[in-house]
PDB file of N, CA and C in Angstrom:
ATOM      1  N   MET A   1      58.625 -75.090 135.387  1.00  0.00           N
ATOM      2  CA  MET A   1      57.740 -76.114 134.728  1.00  0.00           C
ATOM      3  C   MET A   1      57.890 -76.213 133.349  1.00  0.00           C
ATOM      4  N   PRO A   2      58.204 -77.334 132.497  1.00  0.00           N
ATOM      5  CA  PRO A   2      58.852 -76.999 130.980  1.00  0.00           C
ATOM      6  C   PRO A   2      58.013 -76.395 130.487  1.00  0.00           C
ATOM      7  N   GLY A   3      58.618 -75.141 128.880  1.00  0.00           N
ATOM      8  CA  GLY A   3      57.563 -74.728 128.349  1.00  0.00           C
ATOM      9  C   GLY A   3      57.086 -75.303 127.330  1.00  0.00           C
ATOM     10  N   SER A   4      56.612 -74.713 126.360  1.00  0.00           N
ATOM     11  CA  SER A   4      55.007 -75.669 125.828  1.00  0.00           C
ATOM     12  C   SER A   4      55.091 -74.214 125.158  1.00  0.00           C
ATOM     13  N   PRO A   5      54.865 -75.295 123.730  1.00  0.00           N
ATOM     14  CA  PRO A   5      54.340 -74.616 122.240  1.00  0.00           C
ATOM     15  C   PRO A   5      53.490 -72.771 122.566  1.00  0.00           C
ATOM     16  N   LYS A   6      52.367 -73.678 123.650  1.00  0.00           N
ATOM     17  CA  LYS A   6      51.770 -72.931 123.822  1.00  0.00           C
ATOM     18  C   LYS A   6      52.101 -71.145 124.961  1.00  0.00           C
ATOM     19  N   ARG A   7      52.810 -71.879 125.821  1.00  0.00           N
ATOM     20  CA  ARG A   7      52.978 -70.584 126.735  1.00  0.00           C
ATOM     21  C   ARG A   7      54.084 -70.331 126.321  1.00  0.00           C
ATOM     22  N   ASP A   8      55.171 -70.691 125.227  1.00  0.00           N
ATOM     23  CA  ASP A   8      55.899 -69.844 124.240  1.00  0.00           C
ATOM     24  C   ASP A   8      55.372 -68.816 124.136  1.00  0.00           C
ATOM     25  N   LYS A   9      54.696 -69.039 122.695  1.00  0.00           N
ATOM     26  CA  LYS A   9      53.775 -67.878 122.669  1.00  0.00           C
ATOM     27  C   LYS A   9      53.214 -66.894 123.221  1.00  0.00           C
ATOM     28  N   PHE A  10      52.945 -67.530 124.543  1.00  0.00           N
ATOM     29  CA  PHE A  10      52.013 -66.160 125.577  1.00  0.00           C
ATOM     30  C   PHE A  10      53.224 -65.517 125.496  1.00  0.00           C
ATOM     31  N   TYR A  11      54.021 -66.101 126.023  1.00  0.00           N
ATOM     32  CA  TYR A  11      55.752 -64.733 126.243  1.00  0.00           C
ATOM     33  C   TYR A  11      56.692 -64.172 125.403  1.00  0.00           C
ATOM     34  N   HIS A  12      55.929 -64.514 124.041  1.00  0.00           N
ATOM     35  CA  HIS A  12      56.316 -63.871 123.433  1.00  0.00           C
ATOM     36  C   HIS A  12      55.851 -62.852 122.765  1.00  0.00           C
ATOM     37  N   SER A  13      54.173 -63.081 123.096  1.00  0.00           N
ATOM     38  CA  SER A  13      53.196 -62.003 122.825  1.00  0.00           C
ATOM     39  C   SER A  13      53.141 -60.622 123.945  1.00  0.00           C
ATOM     40  N   THR A  14      52.206 -59.040 122.546  1.00  0.00           N
ATOM     41  CA  THR A  14      52.443 -58.274 122.779  1.00  0.00           C
ATOM     42  C   THR A  14      51.998 -57.629 124.637  1.00  0.00           C
ATOM     43  N   ALA A  15      50.631 -58.608 124.378  1.00  0.00           N
ATOM     44  CA  ALA A  15      50.451 -58.318 125.732  1.00  0.00           C
ATOM     45  C   ALA A  15      51.370 -59.368 126.638  1.00  0.00           C
ATOM     46  N   TRP A  16      51.920 -59.763 126.911  1.00  0.00           N
ATOM     47  CA  TRP A  16      52.543 -60.129 127.673  1.00  0.00           C
ATOM     48  C   TRP A  16      54.057 -59.603 128.348  1.00  0.00           C
ATOM     49  N   LYS A  17      54.755 -58.795 126.749  1.00  0.00           N
ATOM     50  CA  LYS A  17      55.692 -57.701 126.597  1.00  0.00           C
ATOM     51  C   LYS A  17      55.247 -55.817 127.773  1.00  0.00           C
ATOM     52  N   LYS A  18      54.380 -56.171 127.647  1.00  0.00           N
ATOM     53  CA  LYS A  18      53.696 -54.708 128.258  1.00  0.00           C
ATOM     54  C   LYS A  18      53.873 -55.163 129.456  1.00  0.00           C
ATOM     55  N   CYS A  19      52.638 -56.185 130.089  1.00  0.00           N
ATOM     56  CA  CYS A  19      52.652 -56.145 131.530  1.00  0.00           C
ATOM     57  C   CYS A  19      53.734 -56.580 132.066  1.00  0.00           C
ATOM     58  N   ARG A  20      54.865 -57.492 131.483  1.00  0.00           N
ATOM     59  CA  ARG A  20      56.154 -57.851 132.454  1.00  0.00           C
ATOM     60  C   ARG A  20      57.113 -56.227 132.333  1.00  0.00           C
ATOM     61  N   GLU A  21      56.525 -54.890 131.435  1.00  0.00           N
ATOM     62  CA  GLU A  21      57.694 -53.707 131.606  1.00  0.00           C
ATOM     63  C   GLU A  21      56.284 -53.147 132.691  1.00  0.00           C
ATOM     64  N   GLN A  22      55.424 -52.900 132.655  1.00  0.00           N
ATOM     65  CA  GLN A  22      54.678 -52.379 133.974  1.00  0.00           C
ATOM     66  C   GLN A  22      54.970 -53.263 135.109  1.00  0.00           C
ATOM     67  N   ILE A  23      55.199 -54.293 135.196  1.00  0.00           N
ATOM     68  CA  ILE A  23      55.440 -54.801 136.685  1.00  0.00           C
ATOM     69  C   ILE A  23      56.913 -54.199 136.895  1.00  0.00           C
ATOM     70  N   ILE A  24      57.912 -54.217 136.171  1.00  0.00           N
ATOM     71  CA  ILE A  24      59.208 -54.477 136.296  1.00  0.00           C
ATOM     72  C   ILE A  24      59.003 -52.301 136.596  1.00  0.00           C
ATOM     73  N   ILE A  25      58.859 -51.635 136.401  1.00  0.00           N
ATOM     74  CA  ILE A  25      58.709 -50.358 136.364  1.00  0.00           C
ATOM     75  C   ILE A  25      57.661 -50.145 137.678  1.00  0.00           C
ATOM     76  N   SER A  26      56.148 -50.699 138.210  1.00  0.00           N
ATOM     77  CA  SER A  26      55.566 -50.446 139.042  1.00  0.00           C
ATOM     78  C   SER A  26      56.374 -51.265 140.354  1.00  0.00           C
ATOM     79  N   ARG A  27      57.027 -52.052 140.324  1.00  0.00           N
ATOM     80  CA  ARG A  27      58.149 -52.387 141.480  1.00  0.00           C
ATOM     81  C   ARG A  27      59.260 -51.968 141.699  1.00  0.00           C
ATOM     82  N   TYR A  28      59.751 -50.516 140.931  1.00  0.00           N
ATOM     83  CA  TYR A  28      61.218 -50.260 140.900  1.00  0.00           C
ATOM     84  C   TYR A  28      61.777 -50.686 140.626  1.00  0.00           C
ATOM     85  N   GLN A  29      61.704 -51.795 139.749  1.00  0.00           N
ATOM     86  CA  GLN A  29      63.075 -52.715 139.161  1.00  0.00           C
ATOM     87  C   GLN A  29      64.048 -53.403 140.326  1.00  0.00           C
ATOM     88  N   LEU A  30      62.936 -53.543 141.724  1.00  0.00           N
ATOM     89  CA  LEU A  30      63.348 -54.212 142.327  1.00  0.00           C
ATOM     90  C   LEU A  30      63.022 -55.269 143.166  1.00  0.00           C
ATOM     91  N   CYS A  31      63.923 -56.776 143.305  1.00  0.00           N
ATOM     92  CA  CYS A  31      63.599 -58.108 143.645  1.00  0.00           C
ATOM     93  C   CYS A  31      62.772 -57.952 144.609  1.00  0.00           C
ATOM     94  N   GLU A  32      60.870 -58.763 144.833  1.00  0.00           N
ATOM     95  CA  GLU A  32      59.990 -58.410 146.097  1.00  0.00           C
ATOM     96  C   GLU A  32      61.333 -59.353 147.453  1.00  0.00           C
ATOM     97  N   LYS A  33      62.162 -60.532 147.286  1.00  0.00           N
ATOM     98  CA  LYS A  33      62.175 -61.013 147.776  1.00  0.00           C
ATOM     99  C   LYS A  33      63.591 -60.788 148.685  1.00  0.00           C
ATOM    100  N   CYS A  34      64.724 -59.971 147.979  1.00  0.00           N
ATOM    101  CA  CYS A  34      66.545 -59.737 148.477  1.00  0.00           C
ATOM    102  C   CYS A  34      66.095 -58.270 148.032  1.00  0.00           C
ATOM    103  N   GLY A  35      65.479 -57.699 147.887  1.00  0.00           N
ATOM    104  CA  GLY A  35      66.287 -56.103 147.182  1.00  0.00           C
ATOM    105  C   GLY A  35      66.913 -55.347 146.725  1.00  0.00           C
ATOM    106  N   LYS A  36      67.653 -56.900 145.576  1.00  0.00           N
ATOM    107  CA  LYS A  36      68.840 -56.664 144.453  1.00  0.00           C
ATOM    108  C   LYS A  36      67.300 -56.093 143.073  1.00  0.00           C
ATOM    109  N   LYS A  37      68.496 -55.917 141.960  1.00  0.00           N
ATOM    110  CA  LYS A  37      67.805 -55.530 140.963  1.00  0.00           C
ATOM    111  C   LYS A  37      67.079 -57.017 140.270  1.00  0.00           C
ATOM    112  N   GLY A  38      65.985 -56.825 140.073  1.00  0.00           N
ATOM    113  CA  GLY A  38      64.276 -57.348 139.546  1.00  0.00           C
ATOM    114  C   GLY A  38      64.745 -57.704 138.086  1.00  0.00           C
ATOM    115  N   THR A  39      64.371 -58.762 137.821  1.00  0.00           N
ATOM    116  CA  THR A  39      65.007 -58.756 135.968  1.00  0.00           C
ATOM    117  C   THR A  39      63.898 -59.825 136.254  1.00  0.00           C
ATOM    118  N   GLU A  40      63.109 -60.608 135.947  1.00  0.00           N
ATOM    119  CA  GLU A  40      62.486 -61.709 136.530  1.00  0.00           C
ATOM    120  C   GLU A  40      60.944 -61.326 136.812  1.00  0.00           C
ATOM    121  N   VAL A  41      59.843 -61.867 135.520  1.00  0.00           N
ATOM    122  CA  VAL A  41      58.659 -61.457 136.499  1.00  0.00           C
ATOM    123  C   VAL A  41      57.823 -62.939 136.304  1.00  0.00           C
ATOM    124  N   HIS A  42      57.330 -63.566 137.774  1.00  0.00           N
ATOM    125  CA  HIS A  42      57.575 -64.562 138.196  1.00  0.00           C
ATOM    126  C   HIS A  42      55.927 -64.876 138.285  1.00  0.00           C
ATOM    127  N   HIS A  43      55.218 -65.789 137.880  1.00  0.00           N
ATOM    128  CA  HIS A  43      54.150 -66.060 138.670  1.00  0.00           C
ATOM    129  C   HIS A  43      53.811 -66.921 139.528  1.00  0.00           C
ATOM    130  N   ILE A  44      53.350 -66.644 140.182  1.00  0.00           N
ATOM    131  CA  ILE A  44      52.783 -66.918 142.245  1.00  0.00           C
ATOM    132  C   ILE A  44      52.482 -68.130 141.733  1.00  0.00           C
ATOM    133  N   ILE A  45      50.570 -68.397 140.682  1.00  0.00           N
ATOM    134  CA  ILE A  45      50.301 -69.318 140.296  1.00  0.00           C
ATOM    135  C   ILE A  45      50.463 -69.863 138.854  1.00  0.00           C
ATOM    136  N   PRO A  46      51.532 -70.279 138.790  1.00  0.00           N
ATOM    137  CA  PRO A  46      52.324 -71.172 137.247  1.00  0.00           C
ATOM    138  C   PRO A  46      51.209 -70.920 136.372  1.00  0.00           C
ATOM    139  N   LEU A  47      52.370 -70.748 135.188  1.00  0.00           N
ATOM    140  CA  LEU A  47      51.025 -70.742 134.241  1.00  0.00           C
ATOM    141  C   LEU A  47      51.211 -72.259 133.750  1.00  0.00           C
ATOM    142  N   THR A  48      50.077 -72.795 133.340  1.00  0.00           N
ATOM    143  CA  THR A  48      49.755 -74.438 132.245  1.00  0.00           C
ATOM    144  C   THR A  48      49.051 -74.133 131.061  1.00  0.00           C
ATOM    145  N   ASP A  49      49.158 -74.603 130.649  1.00  0.00           N
ATOM    146  CA  ASP A  49      48.193 -74.623 128.877  1.00  0.00           C
ATOM    147  C   ASP A  49      46.642 -74.488 129.682  1.00  0.00           C
ATOM    148  N   GLU A  50      46.503 -75.160 130.859  1.00  0.00           N
ATOM    149  CA  GLU A  50      44.875 -74.889 130.733  1.00  0.00           C
ATOM    150  C   GLU A  50      44.211 -73.555 131.603  1.00  0.00           C
ATOM    151  N   ASN A  51      46.098 -72.891 132.076  1.00  0.00           N
ATOM    152  CA  ASN A  51      45.100 -71.371 132.445  1.00  0.00           C
ATOM    153  C   ASN A  51      46.019 -70.425 131.928  1.00  0.00           C
ATOM    154  N   VAL A  52      46.968 -70.603 130.875  1.00  0.00           N
ATOM    155  CA  VAL A  52      47.468 -69.529 129.831  1.00  0.00           C
ATOM    156  C   VAL A  52      46.646 -68.630 129.254  1.00  0.00           C
ATOM    157  N   ASP A  53      45.506 -68.999 128.996  1.00  0.00           N
ATOM    158  CA  ASP A  53      44.516 -67.982 128.242  1.00  0.00           C
ATOM    159  C   ASP A  53      43.397 -67.211 128.921  1.00  0.00           C
ATOM    160  N   ASP A  54      44.003 -67.957 130.831  1.00  0.00           N
ATOM    161  CA  ASP A  54      43.420 -66.649 131.369  1.00  0.00           C
ATOM    162  C   ASP A  54      44.031 -65.215 131.943  1.00  0.00           C
ATOM    163  N   PRO A  55      43.800 -64.335 131.504  1.00  0.00           N
ATOM    164  CA  PRO A  55      44.041 -63.172 132.527  1.00  0.00           C
ATOM    165  C   PRO A  55      44.145 -62.453 134.203  1.00  0.00           C
ATOM    166  N   MET A  56      42.982 -63.488 134.520  1.00  0.00           N
ATOM    167  CA  MET A  56      43.354 -63.154 135.585  1.00  0.00           C
ATOM    168  C   MET A  56      44.157 -63.931 136.182  1.00  0.00           C
ATOM    169  N   ILE A  57      45.037 -64.981 135.678  1.00  0.00           N
ATOM    170  CA  ILE A  57      45.890 -65.793 135.872  1.00  0.00           C
ATOM    171  C   ILE A  57      47.583 -64.886 135.282  1.00  0.00           C
ATOM    172  N   SER A  58      47.479 -65.146 134.105  1.00  0.00           N
ATOM    173  CA  SER A  58      48.660 -64.572 133.296  1.00  0.00           C
ATOM    174  C   SER A  58      49.267 -63.087 133.020  1.00  0.00           C
ATOM    175  N   LEU A  59      48.278 -62.443 133.321  1.00  0.00           N
ATOM    176  CA  LEU A  59      48.759 -60.765 133.046  1.00  0.00           C
ATOM    177  C   LEU A  59      48.537 -60.230 134.468  1.00  0.00           C
ATOM    178  N   ASN A  60      47.597 -61.117 135.557  1.00  0.00           N
ATOM    179  CA  ASN A  60      47.178 -60.161 136.734  1.00  0.00           C
ATOM    180  C   ASN A  60      48.451 -59.571 137.771  1.00  0.00           C
ATOM    181  N   PRO A  61      48.322 -58.591 138.277  1.00  0.00           N
ATOM    182  CA  PRO A  61      49.565 -57.938 138.974  1.00  0.00           C
ATOM    183  C   PRO A  61      49.725 -58.929 139.813  1.00  0.00           C
ATOM    184  N   GLU A  62      48.175 -59.238 140.232  1.00  0.00           N
ATOM    185  CA  GLU A  62      48.373 -59.409 141.983  1.00  0.00           C
ATOM    186  C   GLU A  62      48.888 -60.936 141.663  1.00  0.00           C
ATOM    187  N   ASN A  63      49.230 -61.675 140.453  1.00  0.00           N
ATOM    188  CA  ASN A  63      49.843 -62.958 140.153  1.00  0.00           C
ATOM    189  C   ASN A  63      50.956 -62.911 140.008  1.00  0.00           C
ATOM    190  N   LEU A  64      52.409 -61.581 139.766  1.00  0.00           N
ATOM    191  CA  LEU A  64      53.098 -61.450 139.258  1.00  0.00           C
ATOM    192  C   LEU A  64      53.969 -61.074 140.642  1.00  0.00           C
ATOM    193  N   MET A  65      55.109 -61.838 140.744  1.00  0.00           N
ATOM    194  CA  MET A  65      56.104 -60.970 141.367  1.00  0.00           C
ATOM    195  C   MET A  65      57.872 -60.701 140.925  1.00  0.00           C
ATOM    196  N   LEU A  66      57.979 -59.555 141.260  1.00  0.00           N
ATOM    197  CA  LEU A  66      60.054 -59.516 140.337  1.00  0.00           C
ATOM    198  C   LEU A  66      60.319 -59.732 141.242  1.00  0.00           C
ATOM    199  N   LEU A  67      61.747 -60.591 140.740  1.00  0.00           N
ATOM    200  CA  LEU A  67      62.359 -61.122 141.181  1.00  0.00           C
ATOM    201  C   LEU A  67      63.637 -60.933 140.642  1.00  0.00           C
ATOM    202  N   CYS A  68      65.013 -61.521 141.573  1.00  0.00           N
ATOM    203  CA  CYS A  68      65.714 -60.932 140.877  1.00  0.00           C
ATOM    204  C   CYS A  68      66.149 -62.884 140.317  1.00  0.00           C
ATOM    205  N   LYS A  69      67.549 -63.084 139.541  1.00  0.00           N
ATOM    206  CA  LYS A  69      67.568 -63.723 139.029  1.00  0.00           C
ATOM    207  C   LYS A  69      68.014 -65.349 139.840  1.00  0.00           C
ATOM    208  N   GLU A  70      68.982 -65.025 140.974  1.00  0.00           N
ATOM    209  CA  GLU A  70      68.863 -65.673 142.295  1.00  0.00           C
ATOM    210  C   GLU A  70      67.667 -66.287 143.081  1.00  0.00           C
ATOM    211  N   CYS A  71      66.491 -65.278 142.794  1.00  0.00           N
ATOM    212  CA  CYS A  71      65.632 -65.876 143.933  1.00  0.00           C
ATOM    213  C   CYS A  71      65.153 -66.137 142.356  1.00  0.00           C
ATOM    214  N   HIS A  72      64.317 -66.192 142.051  1.00  0.00           N
ATOM    215  CA  HIS A  72      63.479 -66.783 140.534  1.00  0.00           C
ATOM    216  C   HIS A  72      63.878 -68.443 140.959  1.00  0.00           C
ATOM    217  N   ASP A  73      65.602 -68.525 140.299  1.00  0.00           N
ATOM    218  CA  ASP A  73      66.066 -70.180 140.076  1.00  0.00           C
ATOM    219  C   ASP A  73      65.607 -70.927 141.037  1.00  0.00           C
ATOM    220  N   SER A  74      65.929 -70.059 142.175  1.00  0.00           N
ATOM    221  CA  SER A  74      65.640 -70.763 143.649  1.00  0.00           C
ATOM    222  C   SER A  74      64.440 -71.206 144.172  1.00  0.00           C
ATOM    223  N   ILE A  75      62.850 -70.163 143.521  1.00  0.00           N
ATOM    224  CA  ILE A  75      61.641 -70.712 143.501  1.00  0.00           C
ATOM    225  C   ILE A  75      61.612 -71.605 142.522  1.00  0.00           C
ATOM    226  N   ARG A  76      62.287 -71.555 141.590  1.00  0.00           N
ATOM    227  CA  ARG A  76      61.771 -72.330 141.164  1.00  0.00           C
ATOM    228  C   ARG A  76      61.990 -73.836 140.504  1.00  0.00           C
ATOM    229  N   LEU A  77      63.289 -74.038 141.535  1.00  0.00           N
ATOM    230  CA  LEU A  77      63.994 -75.083 142.144  1.00  0.00           C
ATOM    231  C   LEU A  77      63.342 -75.603 143.188  1.00  0.00           C
ATOM    232  N   GLU A  78      62.916 -75.041 144.319  1.00  0.00           N
ATOM    233  CA  GLU A  78      61.427 -75.330 145.129  1.00  0.00           C
ATOM    234  C   GLU A  78      60.562 -76.051 144.072  1.00  0.00           C
ATOM    235  N   GLU A  79      59.744 -75.321 143.492  1.00  0.00           N
ATOM    236  CA  GLU A  79      58.025 -75.955 142.518  1.00  0.00           C
ATOM    237  C   GLU A  79      59.186 -77.263 141.739  1.00  0.00           C
ATOM    238  N   SER A  80      60.320 -77.192 141.705  1.00  0.00           N
ATOM    239  CA  SER A  80      60.268 -78.164 140.768  1.00  0.00           C
ATOM    240  C   SER A  80      60.342 -79.449 141.576  1.00  0.00           C
ATOM    241  N   MET A  81      61.126 -79.395 142.718  1.00  0.00           N
ATOM    242  CA  MET A  81      61.310 -80.348 143.839  1.00  0.00           C
ATOM    243  C   MET A  81      59.791 -80.469 144.667  1.00  0.00           C
ATOM    244  N   VAL A  82      58.479 -79.884 144.586  1.00  0.00           N
ATOM    245  CA  VAL A  82      58.144 -80.046 144.874  1.00  0.00           C
ATOM    246  C   VAL A  82      56.938 -81.064 143.868  1.00  0.00           C
ATOM    247  N   ASN A  83      57.083 -80.607 142.472  1.00  0.00           N
ATOM    248  CA  ASN A  83      56.007 -81.555 141.875  1.00  0.00           C
ATOM    249  C   ASN A  83      57.022 -82.816 141.240  1.00  0.00           C
ATOM    250  N   TYR A  84      58.067 -83.196 141.690  1.00  0.00           N
ATOM    251  CA  TYR A  84      58.668 -84.006 141.489  1.00  0.00           C
ATOM    252  C   TYR A  84      58.451 -85.319 142.511  1.00  0.00           C
ATOM    253  N   VAL A  85      58.790 -84.508 143.830  1.00  0.00           N
ATOM    254  CA  VAL A  85      58.149 -85.643 145.111  1.00  0.00           C
ATOM    255  C   VAL A  85      56.905 -85.752 145.095  1.00  0.00           C
ATOM    256  N   GLY A  86      55.935 -84.627 144.550  1.00  0.00           N
ATOM    257  CA  GLY A  86      54.562 -84.672 144.149  1.00  0.00           C
ATOM    258  C   GLY A  86      53.588 -86.050 143.186  1.00  0.00           C
ATOM    259  N   VAL A  87      54.815 -86.779 142.578  1.00  0.00           N
ATOM    260  CA  VAL A  87      54.166 -87.351 141.631  1.00  0.00           C
ATOM    261  C   VAL A  87      54.922 -88.795 141.837  1.00  0.00           C
ATOM    262  N   ARG A  88      55.588 -89.201 142.859  1.00  0.00           N
ATOM    263  CA  ARG A  88      56.449 -90.372 143.464  1.00  0.00           C
ATOM    264  C   ARG A  88      54.849 -91.175 143.599  1.00  0.00           C
ATOM    265  N   GLY A  89      55.096 -92.654 143.881  1.00  0.00           N
ATOM    266  CA  GLY A  89      53.870 -93.296 143.978  1.00  0.00           C
ATOM    267  C   GLY A  89      54.683 -94.660 144.907  1.00  0.00           C
ATOM    268  N   ASP A  90      56.069 -94.019 144.831  1.00  0.00           N
ATOM    269  CA  ASP A  90      56.699 -95.317 145.687  1.00  0.00           C
ATOM    270  C   ASP A  90      56.859 -94.964 147.495  1.00  0.00           C
ATOM    271  N   VAL A  91      56.723 -94.093 147.582  1.00  0.00           N
ATOM    272  CA  VAL A  91      56.793 -93.141 149.070  1.00  0.00           C
ATOM    273  C   VAL A  91      55.400 -92.218 149.552  1.00  0.00           C
ATOM    274  N   SER A  92      56.119 -92.078 151.144  1.00  0.00           N
ATOM    275  CA  SER A  92      54.837 -91.687 151.898  1.00  0.00           C
ATOM    276  C   SER A  92      55.291 -91.271 153.157  1.00  0.00           C
ATOM    277  N   PHE A  93      54.263 -90.530 154.015  1.00  0.00           N
ATOM    278  CA  PHE A  93      55.156 -90.499 155.055  1.00  0.00           C
ATOM    279  C   PHE A  93      54.284 -89.980 156.419  1.00  0.00           C
ATOM    280  N   ASP A  94      54.870 -90.687 157.283  1.00  0.00           N
ATOM    281  CA  ASP A  94      54.225 -91.016 158.514  1.00  0.00           C
ATOM    282  C   ASP A  94      53.787 -90.033 158.916  1.00  0.00           C
ATOM    283  N   ALA A  95      53.239 -90.021 160.374  1.00  0.00           N
ATOM    284  CA  ALA A  95      52.777 -88.151 160.927  1.00  0.00           C
ATOM    285  C   ALA A  95      53.787 -87.848 161.542  1.00  0.00           C
ATOM    286  N   GLN A  96      55.133 -87.824 162.091  1.00  0.00           N
ATOM    287  CA  GLN A  96      56.374 -87.339 162.234  1.00  0.00           C
ATOM    288  C   GLN A  96      57.339 -87.288 161.504  1.00  0.00           C
ATOM    289  N   GLY A  97      56.478 -87.427 159.777  1.00  0.00           N
ATOM    290  CA  GLY A  97      57.628 -86.930 158.903  1.00  0.00           C
ATOM    291  C   GLY A  97      58.752 -88.369 158.018  1.00  0.00           C
ATOM    292  N   ASN A  98      58.469 -88.793 158.988  1.00  0.00           N
ATOM    293  CA  ASN A  98      59.574 -89.770 158.439  1.00  0.00           C
ATOM    294  C   ASN A  98      58.981 -90.540 156.917  1.00  0.00           C
ATOM    295  N   ILE A  99      60.034 -91.388 156.131  1.00  0.00           N
ATOM    296  CA  ILE A  99      59.361 -91.903 154.600  1.00  0.00           C
ATOM    297  C   ILE A  99      58.883 -93.172 155.287  1.00  0.00           C
ATOM    298  N   ILE A 100      57.972 -93.697 154.433  1.00  0.00           N
ATOM    299  CA  ILE A 100      57.975 -94.847 154.678  1.00  0.00           C
ATOM    300  C   ILE A 100      57.860 -95.020 153.036  1.00  0.00           C
ATOM    301  N   PHE A 101      58.558 -96.285 152.865  1.00  0.00           N
ATOM    302  CA  PHE A 101      58.891 -97.000 151.448  1.00  0.00           C
ATOM    303  C   PHE A 101      57.529 -97.716 150.625  1.00  0.00           C
ATOM    304  N   LYS A 102      56.945 -97.407 150.105  1.00  0.00           N
ATOM    305  CA  LYS A 102      55.398 -98.450 149.484  1.00  0.00           C
ATOM    306  C   LYS A 102      56.554 -99.484 148.894  1.00  0.00           C
ATOM    307  N   LYS A 103      55.703-100.889 148.860  1.00  0.00           N
ATOM    308  CA  LYS A 103      56.040-102.031 148.312  1.00  0.00           C
ATOM    309  C   LYS A 103      55.270-102.343 147.374  1.00  0.00           C
TER     310      LYS A 103
END
């Protein structure tokens, strides 16, 4: 999800920096997907301008995962593909999963 001034401000806040550091320490610096060194703290429910001020989303340890860069990039790619397909109005799928092009 592309950044925004509101989310950029959050990611530079003291509250986020402290929370991020606590997640890294509490998860033993290990990626929760593959076990390599974790460096990226990922929001499971992605941050939006609408929810960034809600600490139950933005700072809640239950909504955060520690990931290595590769796993984080993979998740971000999956999210972007879902968002891309989700906004297409020119296709749909039948019950068997076959693509149907709308006219």
